[in-house]
Amino acid sequence: MKVAIIGTVGVPANYGGFETLVDQLVRHNQSEDLQYAVYCSKKSYDEKRWVYHGAKTEYVGLNANGIQSIPYDILSLVKAARKSDVILILGVSGCAFLPIFRLFSKKKLIINIDGLEHRRDKWNKWIRKFLKFSEKQAVKYADVIVTDNQGITDYVSEEYGKPSQLIAYGGDHVLTHIDNAFETATLKDYKLDKNGYALGICRIEPENNVHIILEAFEKAKKKLVFIGNWDKSEYGINLKNKYKDSEYVKITPAVYNLDVLNVIRSNCSIYLHGHSAGGTNPSLVEAMFFKKPIFAFDCIYNRESTENKAKYFKDEVELIQLISTDAGNLSRIAEDMEEIAERRYRWSHVATQYENLFG
């Protein structure tokens, strides 16, 4: 069976959650009867690989993100229709094309609709309208709809009256061996003490409530390290400038070396997760494997992901209260996070769930 995967930057994973998903699906394929083809943005890779962990790669000469993401997905879809038995679409940006696609192809479509993109604050109203239209077409024309969080599963049922398959993300790829000398050197480079800081990691966007987390730690006079792409938006630049000289908040650029990132994650005392949209967030799932207590923004997606066993905040006041007082049995929360991660978020389990949809 030939399965095409479209809608991402490609492999090797170097961008976000969907790319990591594809990378891990390919790596965990043990079946001689399943052949993956991954559609990749030619503009994102200097080195072209025609085979990646047994999967074929197909390059498209457009950017996978931004305004070009729509023609990128459409072109990938047309190419995949000629070469595959099943098409796995990740995201809905190109799904506005599906009414036309169905005029010439009956190939099986499995579509992961992602995290309700049309609700994200970063888009203007016209982009939101388009994304909502694309989502509607995705749900209408998909043979199988995939959601990554029970909150989105319920949304699809209530909004469209359609069932969907709930498959979350994995996170155990972060469990790499770290040499003691490397750990010591990394902590020294970043001027960090073991268990001496809380940690936040995300794209610096308003919907991730970065401003709430920074202000709460500043007012509570507690040590926070926050890693992100601060220079990508006015929002991030303003926050960076506001806290660059803070005694308590350490503004840190994005870290792309997984070993370095894992040292920082494994030595924090608390993990902060401010995401308010997007379903099951990969960074949250990854953090759970480090057996750390998690304080998360109070929304249905985060509660579902952590089975209501983390600590939750809705605003700055609630977060200050959590970090300034005895927040309960933090070691118990940490153990709960690890248990949930091991039970629900192993990539081997996720890969098997996807493979079961292809037949």
Protein backbone atom coordinates (compact mmCIF):
# COMPACT_ATOMS: atom_id res chain seq x y z
CA MET A 1 0.00 0.00 0.00
CA LYS A 2 1.33 3.42 -1.00
CA VAL A 3 0.51 6.23 1.43
CA ALA A 4 1.30 9.84 0.57
CA ILE A 5 1.69 12.39 3.37
CA ILE A 6 1.12 16.02 2.44
CA GLY A 7 0.69 19.35 4.21
CA THR A 8 4.02 19.65 6.04
CA VAL A 9 7.45 21.13 5.40
CA GLY A 10 8.71 17.57 5.08
CA VAL A 11 11.38 15.29 6.50
CA PRO A 12 13.76 15.33 8.27
CA ALA A 13 11.61 17.23 10.79
CA ASN A 14 12.90 20.77 11.26
CA TYR A 15 9.83 22.89 11.89
CA GLY A 16 6.90 21.85 14.09
CA GLY A 17 4.57 19.23 15.47
CA PHE A 18 3.23 17.89 12.17
CA GLU A 19 6.76 17.48 10.83
CA THR A 20 7.74 15.51 13.93
CA LEU A 21 4.63 13.37 13.48
CA VAL A 22 5.60 12.51 9.90
CA ASP A 23 9.20 11.83 10.88
CA GLN A 24 8.07 9.39 13.58
CA LEU A 25 5.48 7.65 11.39
CA VAL A 26 8.21 6.96 8.87
CA ARG A 27 10.70 5.79 11.50
CA HIS A 28 8.19 3.41 13.10
CA ASN A 29 7.04 1.77 9.89
CA GLN A 30 7.97 -1.91 10.20
CA SER A 31 5.61 -3.22 7.51
CA GLU A 32 6.90 -4.43 4.15
CA ASP A 33 3.40 -3.84 2.79
CA LEU A 34 3.37 -0.10 3.60
CA GLN A 35 5.34 2.44 1.54
CA TYR A 36 5.28 6.09 2.62
CA ALA A 37 5.88 9.02 0.29
CA VAL A 38 6.43 12.35 2.02
CA TYR A 39 5.89 15.59 0.11
CA CYS A 40 8.53 18.16 1.07
CA SER A 41 9.15 21.84 0.36
CA LYS A 42 12.16 22.12 -1.93
CA LYS A 43 12.81 25.60 -0.52
CA SER A 44 13.30 24.27 3.03
CA TYR A 45 16.05 21.74 2.34
CA ASP A 46 19.52 22.42 0.97
CA GLU A 47 20.25 18.71 0.92
CA LYS A 48 17.74 16.57 -0.98
CA ARG A 49 17.19 12.99 0.15
CA TRP A 50 15.25 10.71 -2.17
CA VAL A 51 14.77 8.11 0.55
CA TYR A 52 14.36 8.84 4.26
CA HIS A 53 14.09 5.90 6.68
CA GLY A 54 12.52 3.84 3.93
CA ALA A 55 10.08 6.55 2.81
CA LYS A 56 10.24 8.17 -0.61
CA THR A 57 10.49 11.94 -0.72
CA GLU A 58 8.78 14.12 -3.33
CA TYR A 59 9.86 17.76 -3.56
CA VAL A 60 7.55 20.66 -4.41
CA GLY A 61 9.07 24.01 -5.38
CA LEU A 62 6.98 26.18 -3.06
CA ASN A 63 7.10 27.21 0.58
CA ALA A 64 5.03 25.02 2.87
CA ASN A 65 4.04 27.95 5.09
CA GLY A 66 2.65 31.43 4.58
CA ILE A 67 0.57 32.37 1.54
CA GLN A 68 2.25 29.68 -0.58
CA SER A 69 0.96 26.93 1.72
CA ILE A 70 -2.32 26.75 -0.20
CA PRO A 71 -0.87 26.12 -3.70
CA TYR A 72 1.83 23.97 -2.05
CA ASP A 73 -0.81 21.66 -0.58
CA ILE A 74 -2.89 21.64 -3.77
CA LEU A 75 0.07 20.78 -5.98
CA SER A 76 1.14 18.05 -3.55
CA LEU A 77 -2.39 16.65 -3.57
CA VAL A 78 -2.56 16.50 -7.37
CA LYS A 79 0.84 14.78 -7.57
CA ALA A 80 -0.05 12.33 -4.82
CA ALA A 81 -3.29 11.35 -6.55
CA ARG A 82 -1.31 9.80 -9.39
CA LYS A 83 1.12 7.83 -7.24
CA SER A 84 -0.65 6.67 -4.10
CA ASP A 85 -3.46 4.50 -2.77
CA VAL A 86 -4.13 6.60 0.34
CA ILE A 87 -3.44 10.28 1.03
CA LEU A 88 -2.85 11.54 4.57
CA ILE A 89 -3.42 15.32 4.71
CA LEU A 90 -2.10 17.19 7.73
CA GLY A 91 -3.89 20.52 8.17
CA VAL A 92 -6.69 22.11 6.18
CA SER A 93 -5.10 25.00 4.27
CA GLY A 94 -5.31 23.19 0.91
CA CYS A 95 -8.64 21.49 1.54
CA ALA A 96 -10.63 24.24 -0.19
CA PHE A 97 -9.54 22.41 -3.36
CA LEU A 98 -11.21 19.12 -2.38
CA PRO A 99 -14.53 19.69 -4.24
CA ILE A 100 -12.49 19.89 -7.47
CA PHE A 101 -10.17 17.05 -6.43
CA ARG A 102 -13.13 14.73 -5.92
CA LEU A 103 -14.19 15.30 -9.55
CA PHE A 104 -11.15 13.36 -10.78
CA SER A 105 -9.99 11.22 -7.85
CA LYS A 106 -11.65 8.80 -5.44
CA LYS A 107 -8.45 8.04 -3.55
CA LYS A 108 -8.91 7.49 0.18
CA LEU A 109 -8.39 10.74 2.10
CA ILE A 110 -7.44 10.75 5.76
CA ILE A 111 -7.34 14.30 7.09
CA ASN A 112 -5.97 15.53 10.40
CA ILE A 113 -7.75 18.88 10.77
CA ASP A 114 -5.21 20.20 13.31
CA GLY A 115 -6.17 22.65 16.03
CA LEU A 116 -9.08 24.71 14.65
CA GLU A 117 -6.85 27.18 12.84
CA HIS A 118 -9.71 29.58 12.13
CA ARG A 119 -9.93 30.37 15.85
CA ARG A 120 -6.33 31.52 16.21
CA ASP A 121 -5.87 35.16 17.17
CA LYS A 122 -2.93 35.66 14.80
CA TRP A 123 -5.12 35.51 11.67
CA ASN A 124 -7.24 38.38 10.34
CA LYS A 125 -10.94 37.83 9.74
CA TRP A 126 -10.54 36.99 6.03
CA ILE A 127 -7.93 34.31 6.67
CA ARG A 128 -10.15 32.94 9.42
CA LYS A 129 -13.10 32.75 7.04
CA PHE A 130 -10.99 30.94 4.47
CA LEU A 131 -9.65 28.48 7.04
CA LYS A 132 -13.15 27.79 8.32
CA PHE A 133 -14.30 27.13 4.73
CA SER A 134 -11.31 24.82 4.19
CA GLU A 135 -12.07 22.98 7.41
CA LYS A 136 -15.66 22.48 6.29
CA GLN A 137 -14.50 20.99 2.98
CA ALA A 138 -12.01 18.76 4.81
CA VAL A 139 -14.75 17.32 7.01
CA LYS A 140 -17.14 16.94 4.07
CA TYR A 141 -14.79 15.14 1.68
CA ALA A 142 -12.55 13.14 4.04
CA ASP A 143 -13.01 9.41 4.25
CA VAL A 144 -11.56 9.55 7.76
CA ILE A 145 -11.25 12.64 9.98
CA VAL A 146 -8.45 12.60 12.56
CA THR A 147 -8.46 14.81 15.64
CA ASP A 148 -5.68 15.02 18.21
CA ASN A 149 -7.70 16.00 21.29
CA GLN A 150 -11.08 15.07 22.76
CA GLY A 151 -12.04 18.75 22.71
CA ILE A 152 -11.65 18.83 18.92
CA THR A 153 -13.38 15.44 18.56
CA ASP A 154 -16.39 16.92 20.38
CA TYR A 155 -16.24 20.04 18.20
CA VAL A 156 -16.37 18.01 14.97
CA SER A 157 -19.32 16.04 16.30
CA GLU A 158 -21.22 19.13 17.45
CA GLU A 159 -20.34 21.41 14.52
CA TYR A 160 -20.63 18.92 11.65
CA GLY A 161 -22.39 15.87 13.06
CA LYS A 162 -19.44 13.70 11.97
CA PRO A 163 -17.40 11.10 13.86
CA SER A 164 -13.62 11.34 13.96
CA GLN A 165 -10.69 9.21 15.03
CA LEU A 166 -8.84 10.53 18.07
CA ILE A 167 -5.07 10.11 17.69
CA ALA A 168 -2.77 12.32 19.77
CA TYR A 169 0.95 13.01 19.30
CA GLY A 170 3.88 11.12 20.70
CA GLY A 171 6.66 12.62 22.74
CA ASP A 172 9.11 9.88 23.68
CA HIS A 173 11.58 10.96 20.98
CA VAL A 174 12.85 13.47 23.55
CA LEU A 175 14.15 10.70 25.80
CA THR A 176 17.74 10.87 24.62
CA HIS A 177 20.78 9.93 26.68
CA ILE A 178 22.57 12.99 28.06
CA ASP A 179 26.20 12.72 29.11
CA ASN A 180 26.90 14.17 32.58
CA ALA A 181 29.71 16.36 31.29
CA PHE A 182 27.48 17.72 28.53
CA GLU A 183 24.72 18.43 31.04
CA THR A 184 27.08 20.28 33.37
CA ALA A 185 28.53 22.32 30.50
CA THR A 186 25.08 23.22 29.14
CA LEU A 187 23.79 24.39 32.51
CA LYS A 188 26.94 26.47 32.91
CA ASP A 189 26.56 27.99 29.43
CA TYR A 190 22.97 29.04 30.18
CA LYS A 191 23.82 30.03 33.78
CA LEU A 192 21.21 27.70 35.24
CA ASP A 193 21.05 25.73 38.49
CA LYS A 194 19.50 22.27 38.73
CA ASN A 195 15.83 22.59 39.72
CA GLY A 196 16.39 26.30 40.24
CA TYR A 197 14.00 27.68 37.65
CA ALA A 198 10.58 27.28 36.09
CA LEU A 199 10.52 26.82 32.31
CA GLY A 200 8.33 27.87 29.39
CA ILE A 201 8.91 27.01 25.72
CA CYS A 202 6.71 28.03 22.79
CA ARG A 203 6.25 30.22 19.74
CA ILE A 204 5.85 33.72 21.07
CA GLU A 205 2.22 34.46 20.18
CA PRO A 206 -0.62 36.09 22.17
CA GLU A 207 -2.73 32.91 22.16
CA ASN A 208 0.08 31.19 24.08
CA ASN A 209 -0.37 33.71 26.90
CA VAL A 210 3.32 34.45 27.20
CA HIS A 211 2.59 37.91 28.63
CA ILE A 212 0.58 36.39 31.49
CA ILE A 213 3.35 33.98 32.44
CA LEU A 214 6.15 36.57 32.29
CA GLU A 215 4.23 39.15 34.32
CA ALA A 216 3.21 36.61 36.96
CA PHE A 217 6.78 35.48 37.58
CA GLU A 218 8.06 39.05 37.58
CA LYS A 219 5.50 40.07 40.22
CA ALA A 220 5.97 36.91 42.27
CA LYS A 221 9.78 37.38 42.11
CA LYS A 222 10.32 33.79 41.02
CA LYS A 223 12.95 32.56 38.55
CA LEU A 224 11.64 31.78 35.06
CA VAL A 225 13.46 30.78 31.88
CA PHE A 226 11.36 31.31 28.77
CA ILE A 227 12.56 30.02 25.39
CA GLY A 228 11.03 31.20 22.13
CA ASN A 229 11.28 33.04 18.81
CA TRP A 230 11.11 36.52 20.31
CA ASP A 231 12.06 38.44 17.17
CA LYS A 232 9.35 37.03 14.87
CA SER A 233 6.57 39.48 15.81
CA GLU A 234 5.92 42.84 17.39
CA TYR A 235 4.34 41.01 20.32
CA GLY A 236 7.54 39.05 20.94
CA ILE A 237 9.86 42.02 20.43
CA ASN A 238 7.87 44.12 22.92
CA LEU A 239 8.00 41.39 25.56
CA LYS A 240 11.70 40.84 24.99
CA ASN A 241 12.42 44.53 25.46
CA LYS A 242 10.22 44.73 28.55
CA TYR A 243 11.93 41.87 30.38
CA LYS A 244 15.45 41.88 28.95
CA ASP A 245 16.89 43.37 32.15
CA SER A 246 14.65 41.47 34.56
CA GLU A 247 16.20 39.91 37.65
CA TYR A 248 13.68 37.05 37.57
CA VAL A 249 12.66 36.45 33.95
CA LYS A 250 15.36 35.13 31.61
CA ILE A 251 14.45 35.75 27.96
CA THR A 252 16.14 33.01 25.91
CA PRO A 253 16.25 32.60 22.11
CA ALA A 254 14.84 29.48 20.49
CA VAL A 255 16.93 26.33 21.04
CA TYR A 256 17.01 23.86 18.15
CA ASN A 257 19.60 21.42 19.49
CA LEU A 258 17.51 18.65 21.07
CA ASP A 259 20.23 17.59 23.51
CA VAL A 260 20.65 21.15 24.80
CA LEU A 261 16.89 21.59 25.04
CA ASN A 262 16.55 18.32 26.94
CA VAL A 263 19.14 19.38 29.50
CA ILE A 264 17.17 22.57 30.13
CA ARG A 265 13.86 20.68 30.32
CA SER A 266 15.13 17.92 32.57
CA ASN A 267 16.55 20.35 35.13
CA CYS A 268 13.60 22.72 35.58
CA SER A 269 11.43 22.67 38.71
CA ILE A 270 8.09 23.43 36.96
CA TYR A 271 7.00 23.49 33.33
CA LEU A 272 4.69 26.31 32.19
CA HIS A 273 2.32 25.74 29.28
CA GLY A 274 0.30 28.77 28.20
CA HIS A 275 -1.31 27.50 24.97
CA SER A 276 -5.03 28.25 24.74
CA ALA A 277 -5.69 26.78 21.27
CA GLY A 278 -4.54 24.01 19.00
CA GLY A 279 -5.68 20.74 20.55
CA THR A 280 -3.05 18.43 21.99
CA ASN A 281 0.14 20.44 21.84
CA PRO A 282 3.38 18.57 21.03
CA SER A 283 5.50 20.65 23.41
CA LEU A 284 3.19 19.78 26.30
CA VAL A 285 3.30 16.07 25.47
CA GLU A 286 7.11 16.21 25.28
CA ALA A 287 7.35 17.99 28.64
CA MET A 288 5.28 15.30 30.33
CA PHE A 289 7.98 12.71 29.61
CA PHE A 290 10.45 14.64 31.78
CA LYS A 291 8.42 13.90 34.94
CA LYS A 292 7.96 17.53 35.90
CA PRO A 293 4.94 19.22 37.52
CA ILE A 294 3.04 21.17 34.89
CA PHE A 295 1.12 24.43 35.28
CA ALA A 296 -1.08 24.88 32.20
CA PHE A 297 -3.50 27.48 30.92
CA ASP A 298 -7.01 26.43 31.86
CA CYS A 299 -8.70 25.28 28.64
CA ILE A 300 -10.33 22.05 27.55
CA TYR A 301 -7.40 21.01 25.34
CA ASN A 302 -4.83 21.18 28.15
CA ARG A 303 -7.15 19.51 30.66
CA GLU A 304 -7.82 16.66 28.25
CA SER A 305 -4.13 16.21 27.48
CA THR A 306 -3.18 16.05 31.16
CA GLU A 307 -6.36 14.27 32.34
CA ASN A 308 -7.11 17.10 34.80
CA LYS A 309 -4.06 16.16 36.87
CA ALA A 310 -1.88 19.24 36.26
CA LYS A 311 -2.32 22.67 37.89
CA TYR A 312 -4.27 25.26 35.85
CA PHE A 313 -4.49 29.05 35.62
CA LYS A 314 -6.76 31.41 33.68
CA ASP A 315 -5.00 34.68 34.35
CA GLU A 316 -2.04 36.36 35.98
CA VAL A 317 -3.65 36.41 39.44
CA GLU A 318 -4.27 32.66 39.48
CA LEU A 319 -0.76 31.92 38.26
CA ILE A 320 0.81 34.17 40.90
CA GLN A 321 -1.21 32.31 43.53
CA LEU A 322 0.02 28.96 42.22
CA ILE A 323 3.70 29.87 42.16
CA SER A 324 3.68 31.93 45.36
CA THR A 325 1.98 29.44 47.66
CA ASP A 326 2.08 25.71 48.29
CA ALA A 327 0.65 24.38 45.06
CA GLY A 328 0.02 20.92 46.47
CA ASN A 329 1.96 17.74 45.96
CA LEU A 330 4.21 18.69 43.05
CA SER A 331 6.01 15.36 43.07
CA ARG A 332 2.67 13.60 42.69
CA ILE A 333 1.76 15.83 39.74
CA ALA A 334 5.11 15.04 38.14
CA GLU A 335 4.51 11.30 38.54
CA ASP A 336 1.01 11.65 37.06
CA MET A 337 2.38 13.49 34.02
CA GLU A 338 4.93 10.76 33.35
CA GLU A 339 2.34 7.99 33.78
CA ILE A 340 -0.06 9.65 31.31
CA ALA A 341 2.76 10.22 28.81
CA GLU A 342 3.90 6.60 28.95
CA ARG A 343 0.35 5.33 28.59
CA ARG A 344 -0.93 7.66 25.85
CA TYR A 345 1.90 9.40 24.03
CA ARG A 346 4.36 6.76 22.83
CA TRP A 347 5.13 7.11 19.10
CA SER A 348 4.91 3.36 18.54
CA HIS A 349 1.28 3.49 19.65
CA VAL A 350 0.53 6.59 17.55
CA ALA A 351 2.08 5.03 14.44
CA THR A 352 0.02 1.87 14.85
CA GLN A 353 -3.18 3.91 15.17
CA TYR A 354 -2.46 5.71 11.89
CA GLU A 355 -1.53 2.50 10.10
CA ASN A 356 -4.84 0.95 11.15
CA LEU A 357 -6.64 3.73 9.24
CA PHE A 358 -4.93 3.05 5.91
CA GLY A 359 -6.51 -0.33 5.15
